[in-house]
N, C-alpha and C. Protein backbone atom coordinates (compact mmCIF):
# COMPACT_ATOMS: atom_id res chain seq x y z
N MET A 1 13.93 -48.78 -2.82
CA MET A 1 13.40 -49.03 -1.50
C MET A 1 13.01 -47.70 -0.84
N PHE A 2 13.86 -46.69 -0.95
CA PHE A 2 13.56 -45.41 -0.31
C PHE A 2 12.90 -44.41 -1.25
N LEU A 3 12.62 -44.80 -2.46
CA LEU A 3 11.98 -43.90 -3.40
C LEU A 3 10.47 -43.85 -3.14
N PRO A 4 9.85 -42.66 -3.23
CA PRO A 4 8.41 -42.59 -2.98
C PRO A 4 7.63 -43.22 -4.14
N LYS A 5 6.49 -43.75 -3.81
CA LYS A 5 5.64 -44.36 -4.82
C LYS A 5 4.43 -43.45 -5.02
N TYR A 6 4.27 -42.96 -6.24
CA TYR A 6 3.18 -42.06 -6.56
C TYR A 6 2.04 -42.86 -7.18
N PRO A 7 0.79 -42.43 -6.94
CA PRO A 7 -0.33 -43.13 -7.57
C PRO A 7 -0.33 -42.88 -9.07
N ASP A 8 -0.93 -43.82 -9.79
CA ASP A 8 -0.97 -43.71 -11.25
C ASP A 8 -1.79 -42.50 -11.69
N ALA A 9 -2.95 -42.32 -11.15
CA ALA A 9 -3.80 -41.19 -11.49
C ALA A 9 -4.18 -40.47 -10.20
N PRO A 10 -3.98 -39.17 -10.14
CA PRO A 10 -4.33 -38.48 -8.89
C PRO A 10 -5.83 -38.50 -8.67
N THR A 11 -6.21 -38.61 -7.43
CA THR A 11 -7.63 -38.65 -7.10
C THR A 11 -8.15 -37.22 -7.01
N PRO A 12 -9.30 -36.92 -7.58
CA PRO A 12 -9.84 -35.56 -7.51
C PRO A 12 -10.28 -35.24 -6.09
N PRO A 13 -10.22 -33.99 -5.70
CA PRO A 13 -10.66 -33.63 -4.34
C PRO A 13 -12.15 -33.82 -4.20
N ALA A 14 -12.58 -34.03 -2.99
CA ALA A 14 -14.00 -34.26 -2.72
C ALA A 14 -14.77 -32.96 -2.97
N ALA A 15 -15.92 -33.09 -3.61
CA ALA A 15 -16.74 -31.92 -3.92
C ALA A 15 -17.44 -31.46 -2.66
N HIS A 16 -17.54 -30.15 -2.49
CA HIS A 16 -18.21 -29.57 -1.33
C HIS A 16 -19.70 -29.46 -1.66
N THR A 17 -20.52 -30.21 -0.95
CA THR A 17 -21.94 -30.24 -1.28
C THR A 17 -22.79 -29.58 -0.22
N HIS A 18 -22.18 -28.98 0.80
CA HIS A 18 -22.96 -28.35 1.88
C HIS A 18 -23.55 -27.03 1.39
N THR A 19 -24.84 -26.86 1.59
CA THR A 19 -25.47 -25.59 1.24
C THR A 19 -25.84 -24.88 2.54
N PRO A 20 -25.58 -23.59 2.63
CA PRO A 20 -25.88 -22.88 3.89
C PRO A 20 -27.38 -22.79 4.11
N ALA A 21 -27.78 -22.88 5.36
CA ALA A 21 -29.21 -22.83 5.70
C ALA A 21 -29.73 -21.40 5.57
N ASP A 22 -28.93 -20.42 5.98
CA ASP A 22 -29.35 -19.02 5.90
C ASP A 22 -28.63 -18.35 4.74
N PRO A 23 -29.30 -17.46 4.08
CA PRO A 23 -28.60 -16.73 3.01
C PRO A 23 -27.54 -15.81 3.62
N ALA A 24 -26.58 -15.47 2.83
CA ALA A 24 -25.49 -14.63 3.32
C ALA A 24 -26.04 -13.26 3.69
N PRO A 25 -25.56 -12.69 4.80
CA PRO A 25 -26.07 -11.37 5.20
C PRO A 25 -25.62 -10.30 4.20
N THR A 26 -26.50 -9.37 3.98
CA THR A 26 -26.17 -8.30 3.03
C THR A 26 -25.32 -7.25 3.75
N ARG A 27 -24.34 -6.74 3.04
CA ARG A 27 -23.47 -5.72 3.63
C ARG A 27 -24.09 -4.35 3.41
N ARG A 28 -24.02 -3.55 4.45
CA ARG A 28 -24.51 -2.20 4.32
C ARG A 28 -23.43 -1.34 3.69
N SER A 29 -23.82 -0.46 2.82
CA SER A 29 -22.83 0.41 2.20
C SER A 29 -22.45 1.50 3.19
N LEU A 30 -21.19 1.91 3.13
CA LEU A 30 -20.70 2.95 4.01
C LEU A 30 -21.28 4.30 3.59
N PRO A 31 -21.48 5.17 4.54
CA PRO A 31 -21.99 6.49 4.15
C PRO A 31 -20.92 7.24 3.35
N SER A 32 -21.37 7.96 2.35
CA SER A 32 -20.42 8.69 1.52
C SER A 32 -19.93 9.92 2.28
N ILE A 33 -18.61 10.12 2.24
CA ILE A 33 -18.00 11.25 2.92
C ILE A 33 -17.53 12.22 1.86
N SER A 34 -17.98 13.44 1.95
CA SER A 34 -17.56 14.42 0.97
C SER A 34 -16.37 15.19 1.51
N ILE A 35 -15.28 15.14 0.77
CA ILE A 35 -14.06 15.84 1.15
C ILE A 35 -13.82 16.91 0.10
N ASP A 36 -13.79 18.16 0.55
CA ASP A 36 -13.59 19.22 -0.43
C ASP A 36 -12.09 19.46 -0.64
N GLN A 37 -11.78 20.29 -1.60
CA GLN A 37 -10.39 20.51 -1.99
C GLN A 37 -9.62 21.28 -0.93
N LYS A 38 -10.28 22.08 -0.15
CA LYS A 38 -9.59 22.82 0.91
C LYS A 38 -9.05 21.87 1.98
N THR A 39 -9.82 20.84 2.29
CA THR A 39 -9.38 19.87 3.28
C THR A 39 -8.17 19.10 2.78
N VAL A 40 -8.22 18.69 1.53
CA VAL A 40 -7.09 17.96 0.95
C VAL A 40 -5.85 18.84 0.93
N ALA A 41 -6.01 20.12 0.55
CA ALA A 41 -4.87 21.04 0.52
C ALA A 41 -4.31 21.25 1.92
N ALA A 42 -5.17 21.36 2.92
CA ALA A 42 -4.71 21.56 4.29
C ALA A 42 -3.93 20.35 4.79
N VAL A 43 -4.40 19.16 4.48
CA VAL A 43 -3.70 17.95 4.90
C VAL A 43 -2.35 17.85 4.20
N LEU A 44 -2.29 18.18 2.92
CA LEU A 44 -1.02 18.12 2.20
C LEU A 44 -0.03 19.14 2.73
N VAL A 45 -0.49 20.36 2.98
CA VAL A 45 0.40 21.39 3.52
C VAL A 45 0.88 21.00 4.91
N GLY A 46 -0.01 20.47 5.72
CA GLY A 46 0.40 20.00 7.06
C GLY A 46 1.44 18.90 6.97
N GLY A 47 1.27 17.99 6.04
CA GLY A 47 2.25 16.91 5.88
C GLY A 47 3.60 17.44 5.43
N VAL A 48 3.59 18.42 4.53
CA VAL A 48 4.85 19.00 4.07
C VAL A 48 5.55 19.73 5.21
N VAL A 49 4.79 20.48 5.99
CA VAL A 49 5.38 21.22 7.12
C VAL A 49 5.95 20.26 8.15
N LEU A 50 5.22 19.22 8.48
CA LEU A 50 5.73 18.26 9.46
C LEU A 50 6.96 17.53 8.94
N THR A 51 7.00 17.22 7.67
CA THR A 51 8.18 16.57 7.08
C THR A 51 9.38 17.50 7.13
N ALA A 52 9.15 18.78 6.84
CA ALA A 52 10.25 19.75 6.89
C ALA A 52 10.77 19.90 8.32
N LEU A 53 9.87 19.93 9.29
CA LEU A 53 10.31 20.02 10.68
C LEU A 53 11.10 18.80 11.11
N LEU A 54 10.67 17.64 10.68
CA LEU A 54 11.40 16.41 11.01
C LEU A 54 12.79 16.42 10.38
N ALA A 55 12.88 16.88 9.14
CA ALA A 55 14.19 16.97 8.48
C ALA A 55 15.08 17.97 9.20
N ALA A 56 14.52 19.10 9.65
CA ALA A 56 15.31 20.09 10.37
C ALA A 56 15.83 19.53 11.69
N VAL A 57 15.01 18.79 12.39
CA VAL A 57 15.45 18.17 13.64
C VAL A 57 16.56 17.16 13.38
N ALA A 58 16.43 16.38 12.32
CA ALA A 58 17.46 15.39 12.01
C ALA A 58 18.78 16.06 11.65
N VAL A 59 18.74 17.12 10.85
CA VAL A 59 19.96 17.83 10.47
C VAL A 59 20.60 18.46 11.69
N THR A 60 19.79 19.04 12.56
CA THR A 60 20.32 19.64 13.78
C THR A 60 20.98 18.59 14.67
N ALA A 61 20.36 17.44 14.81
CA ALA A 61 20.94 16.38 15.64
C ALA A 61 22.27 15.90 15.07
N ILE A 62 22.35 15.78 13.76
CA ILE A 62 23.60 15.33 13.14
C ILE A 62 24.68 16.38 13.33
N SER A 63 24.34 17.66 13.16
CA SER A 63 25.36 18.70 13.32
C SER A 63 25.82 18.80 14.77
N VAL A 64 24.94 18.63 15.72
CA VAL A 64 25.34 18.64 17.13
C VAL A 64 26.25 17.46 17.43
N ALA A 65 25.96 16.30 16.86
CA ALA A 65 26.81 15.14 17.08
C ALA A 65 28.21 15.35 16.48
N VAL A 66 28.27 15.93 15.29
CA VAL A 66 29.58 16.20 14.67
C VAL A 66 30.35 17.21 15.50
N ALA A 67 29.67 18.27 15.97
CA ALA A 67 30.34 19.27 16.81
C ALA A 67 30.85 18.64 18.10
N ALA A 68 30.11 17.73 18.68
CA ALA A 68 30.55 17.08 19.92
C ALA A 68 31.79 16.23 19.66
N VAL A 69 31.83 15.55 18.53
CA VAL A 69 33.00 14.73 18.22
C VAL A 69 34.23 15.61 18.01
N VAL A 70 34.05 16.73 17.31
CA VAL A 70 35.18 17.64 17.06
C VAL A 70 35.66 18.23 18.38
N LEU A 71 34.76 18.68 19.23
CA LEU A 71 35.17 19.25 20.52
C LEU A 71 35.86 18.21 21.39
N ARG A 72 35.36 17.01 21.39
CA ARG A 72 36.00 15.96 22.19
C ARG A 72 37.41 15.69 21.68
N SER A 73 37.56 15.70 20.36
CA SER A 73 38.89 15.49 19.79
C SER A 73 39.83 16.63 20.16
N LEU A 74 39.35 17.88 20.11
CA LEU A 74 40.19 19.02 20.46
C LEU A 74 40.56 19.00 21.94
N LEU A 75 39.61 18.67 22.78
CA LEU A 75 39.89 18.63 24.22
C LEU A 75 40.85 17.48 24.58
N ARG A 76 40.74 16.38 23.88
CA ARG A 76 41.64 15.26 24.14
C ARG A 76 43.07 15.62 23.75
N ASP A 77 43.23 16.37 22.65
CA ASP A 77 44.54 16.80 22.23
C ASP A 77 45.17 17.76 23.24
N GLN A 78 44.37 18.62 23.87
CA GLN A 78 44.90 19.55 24.86
C GLN A 78 45.31 18.84 26.14
N HIS A 79 44.61 17.78 26.51
CA HIS A 79 44.98 17.04 27.72
C HIS A 79 46.27 16.25 27.53
N ARG A 80 46.58 15.87 26.35
CA ARG A 80 47.81 15.11 26.09
C ARG A 80 49.05 16.00 26.19
N ARG A 81 48.90 17.28 25.93
CA ARG A 81 50.07 18.19 25.95
C ARG A 81 50.46 18.59 27.30
């Protein structure tokens, strides 16, 4: 009673018979951009420098946080005495 009833043979999907009135617009090709090796090298060096600076900032932030935790612990110990 609650089981689904499937058709014996699946019906094929309806064929799309619409033909467009206008032909498809042609795509214009993009202008070719010439990139020389100096530009690529400059971008790579800039990326390496920025990555190094970001890593230095992250290491500095972590070391400042650790120093703050250590100082807070030392100061808390002095207040207890």
